[in-house]
Amino acid sequence: MIIIDTGAFVALFNRRDSAHLAAQRAFETIQEPMITTFPVITETCYFLAATVSHTAQSNFLKSFVLGAFQIFDLEPTHIDRMIVLMEKYADLPMDMADASLVVLAEQLKSGRILTVDRRDFTVYRWNNKPFENLLT
């Protein structure tokens, strides 16, 4: 499974984004299932509506309905872990969406991710392991 961060989704649906072509290439070539979290969905919808259009936001949500990616269900224990992570990485700071992706990586036992957030995901660790960013 490949974890998807907000920036990768925004780049895919925003042709003016500097990472658009890289995101488009990645989403077209990856043959594995992709997964994200509801905090990422919310953050992506916000950024698409604010910076691209409400149509882009709708198209993004339609891509989920059509099966482009899965959404991981966060449970109360995951939220507890997210709080610990957000406190640990407070100097960056870590937001809820990023914390949810670290928890997801811990659950999947894999840190393969599509993200434009190279700074933070170079620092973040899942089970003391670095993330592997597949968005090049």
Protein backbone atom coordinates (compact mmCIF):
# COMPACT_ATOMS: atom_id res chain seq x y z
CA MET A 1 0.00 0.00 0.00
CA ILE A 2 1.14 3.49 -0.82
CA ILE A 3 0.27 6.30 1.61
CA ILE A 4 -0.92 9.55 0.03
CA ASP A 5 -0.40 12.97 1.62
CA THR A 6 -2.38 16.17 0.96
CA GLY A 7 0.25 17.80 -1.23
CA ALA A 8 0.32 14.90 -3.67
CA PHE A 9 -3.46 15.09 -4.11
CA VAL A 10 -3.41 18.87 -4.48
CA ALA A 11 -0.59 18.68 -7.03
CA LEU A 12 -2.51 16.08 -9.02
CA PHE A 13 -5.68 18.19 -9.19
CA ASN A 14 -3.95 21.56 -9.69
CA ARG A 15 -2.30 21.91 -13.09
CA ARG A 16 -0.52 25.07 -11.92
CA ASP A 17 1.20 23.25 -9.03
CA SER A 18 4.95 22.85 -9.52
CA ALA A 19 4.66 19.16 -8.61
CA HIS A 20 1.70 18.49 -10.93
CA LEU A 21 3.63 16.51 -13.57
CA ALA A 22 5.46 14.43 -10.97
CA ALA A 23 2.17 13.69 -9.18
CA GLN A 24 0.45 12.83 -12.45
CA ARG A 25 3.29 10.45 -13.38
CA ALA A 26 3.23 8.80 -9.96
CA PHE A 27 -0.54 8.29 -9.87
CA GLU A 28 -0.50 6.89 -13.42
CA THR A 29 2.35 4.45 -12.85
CA ILE A 30 1.75 3.12 -9.34
CA GLN A 31 0.02 -0.23 -9.57
CA GLU A 32 -0.37 -0.81 -5.83
CA PRO A 33 -3.39 0.15 -3.75
CA MET A 34 -3.25 3.68 -2.33
CA ILE A 35 -4.54 4.80 1.05
CA THR A 36 -4.94 7.96 3.09
CA THR A 37 -6.85 9.25 6.13
CA PHE A 38 -9.87 11.47 6.72
CA PRO A 39 -7.73 14.36 8.03
CA VAL A 40 -5.89 14.30 4.68
CA ILE A 41 -9.20 14.19 2.80
CA THR A 42 -10.44 17.24 4.74
CA GLU A 43 -7.18 19.15 4.26
CA THR A 44 -7.11 18.33 0.53
CA CYS A 45 -10.71 19.50 0.04
CA TYR A 46 -9.90 22.74 1.84
CA PHE A 47 -6.82 23.48 -0.29
CA LEU A 48 -8.47 22.51 -3.57
CA ALA A 49 -11.53 24.68 -2.90
CA ALA A 50 -9.37 27.61 -1.75
CA THR A 51 -6.66 27.48 -4.41
CA VAL A 52 -8.13 25.70 -7.45
CA SER A 53 -11.93 25.41 -7.56
CA HIS A 54 -14.91 23.69 -6.05
CA THR A 55 -14.98 21.54 -9.19
CA ALA A 56 -11.47 20.30 -8.41
CA GLN A 57 -12.64 19.48 -4.89
CA SER A 58 -15.61 17.52 -6.28
CA ASN A 59 -13.40 15.71 -8.80
CA PHE A 60 -11.06 14.70 -5.99
CA LEU A 61 -13.94 13.24 -3.97
CA LYS A 62 -15.27 11.49 -7.08
CA SER A 63 -11.87 9.81 -7.49
CA PHE A 64 -12.39 8.20 -4.08
CA VAL A 65 -15.90 7.06 -5.01
CA LEU A 66 -14.44 5.51 -8.17
CA GLY A 67 -11.93 3.53 -6.11
CA ALA A 68 -8.70 5.46 -6.75
CA PHE A 69 -7.70 5.15 -3.09
CA GLN A 70 -8.86 3.82 0.26
CA ILE A 71 -9.44 5.68 3.52
CA PHE A 72 -8.02 4.28 6.76
CA ASP A 73 -10.42 4.36 9.72
CA LEU A 74 -8.85 6.11 12.67
CA GLU A 75 -9.83 4.67 16.05
CA PRO A 76 -9.54 6.30 19.50
CA THR A 77 -6.20 4.59 20.17
CA HIS A 78 -4.89 6.08 16.92
CA ILE A 79 -5.92 9.55 18.08
CA ASP A 80 -4.03 8.99 21.34
CA ARG A 81 -0.93 8.10 19.31
CA MET A 82 -1.44 11.15 17.08
CA ILE A 83 -1.43 13.40 20.15
CA VAL A 84 1.88 11.87 21.28
CA LEU A 85 3.36 12.43 17.80
CA MET A 86 2.09 16.02 17.56
CA GLU A 87 3.71 16.79 20.92
CA LYS A 88 6.94 15.05 19.90
CA TYR A 89 7.19 17.01 16.64
CA ALA A 90 5.82 20.30 18.02
CA ASP A 91 8.91 22.16 16.81
CA LEU A 92 7.99 21.58 13.13
CA PRO A 93 4.97 21.66 14.04
CA MET A 94 3.19 18.43 13.06
CA ASP A 95 -0.45 18.87 12.08
CA MET A 96 -3.28 16.35 12.48
CA ALA A 97 -3.12 15.17 8.87
CA ASP A 98 0.61 14.41 9.08
CA ALA A 99 0.18 12.69 12.44
CA SER A 100 -2.54 10.50 10.97
CA LEU A 101 -0.19 9.42 8.17
CA VAL A 102 2.55 8.46 10.62
CA VAL A 103 -0.01 6.37 12.53
CA LEU A 104 -1.12 4.83 9.24
CA ALA A 105 2.47 3.92 8.38
CA GLU A 106 2.87 2.33 11.80
CA GLN A 107 -0.29 0.28 11.24
CA LEU A 108 0.72 -0.77 7.72
CA LYS A 109 4.32 -1.37 8.78
CA SER A 110 5.35 0.56 5.69
CA GLY A 111 6.43 4.14 5.10
CA ARG A 112 6.10 4.32 1.33
CA ILE A 113 4.43 7.68 0.68
CA LEU A 114 3.58 10.20 -2.02
CA THR A 115 4.19 13.67 -0.57
CA VAL A 116 5.49 17.07 -1.62
CA ASP A 117 6.33 17.75 2.04
CA ARG A 118 9.92 16.59 1.86
CA ARG A 119 11.09 18.61 4.87
CA ASP A 120 8.69 17.13 7.40
CA PHE A 121 8.56 13.58 6.05
CA THR A 122 12.35 13.46 6.08
CA VAL A 123 12.21 14.17 9.83
CA TYR A 124 9.15 12.08 10.78
CA ARG A 125 9.68 8.46 11.72
CA TRP A 126 7.27 5.52 11.85
CA ASN A 127 8.42 2.77 14.21
CA ASN A 128 11.80 4.59 14.21
CA LYS A 129 12.11 4.16 10.43
CA PRO A 130 12.30 6.87 7.75
CA PHE A 131 9.61 7.41 5.14
CA GLU A 132 10.32 6.53 1.53
CA ASN A 133 8.94 9.28 -0.70
CA LEU A 134 7.88 7.90 -4.08
CA LEU A 135 7.04 11.34 -5.53
CA THR A 136 10.16 12.28 -7.45
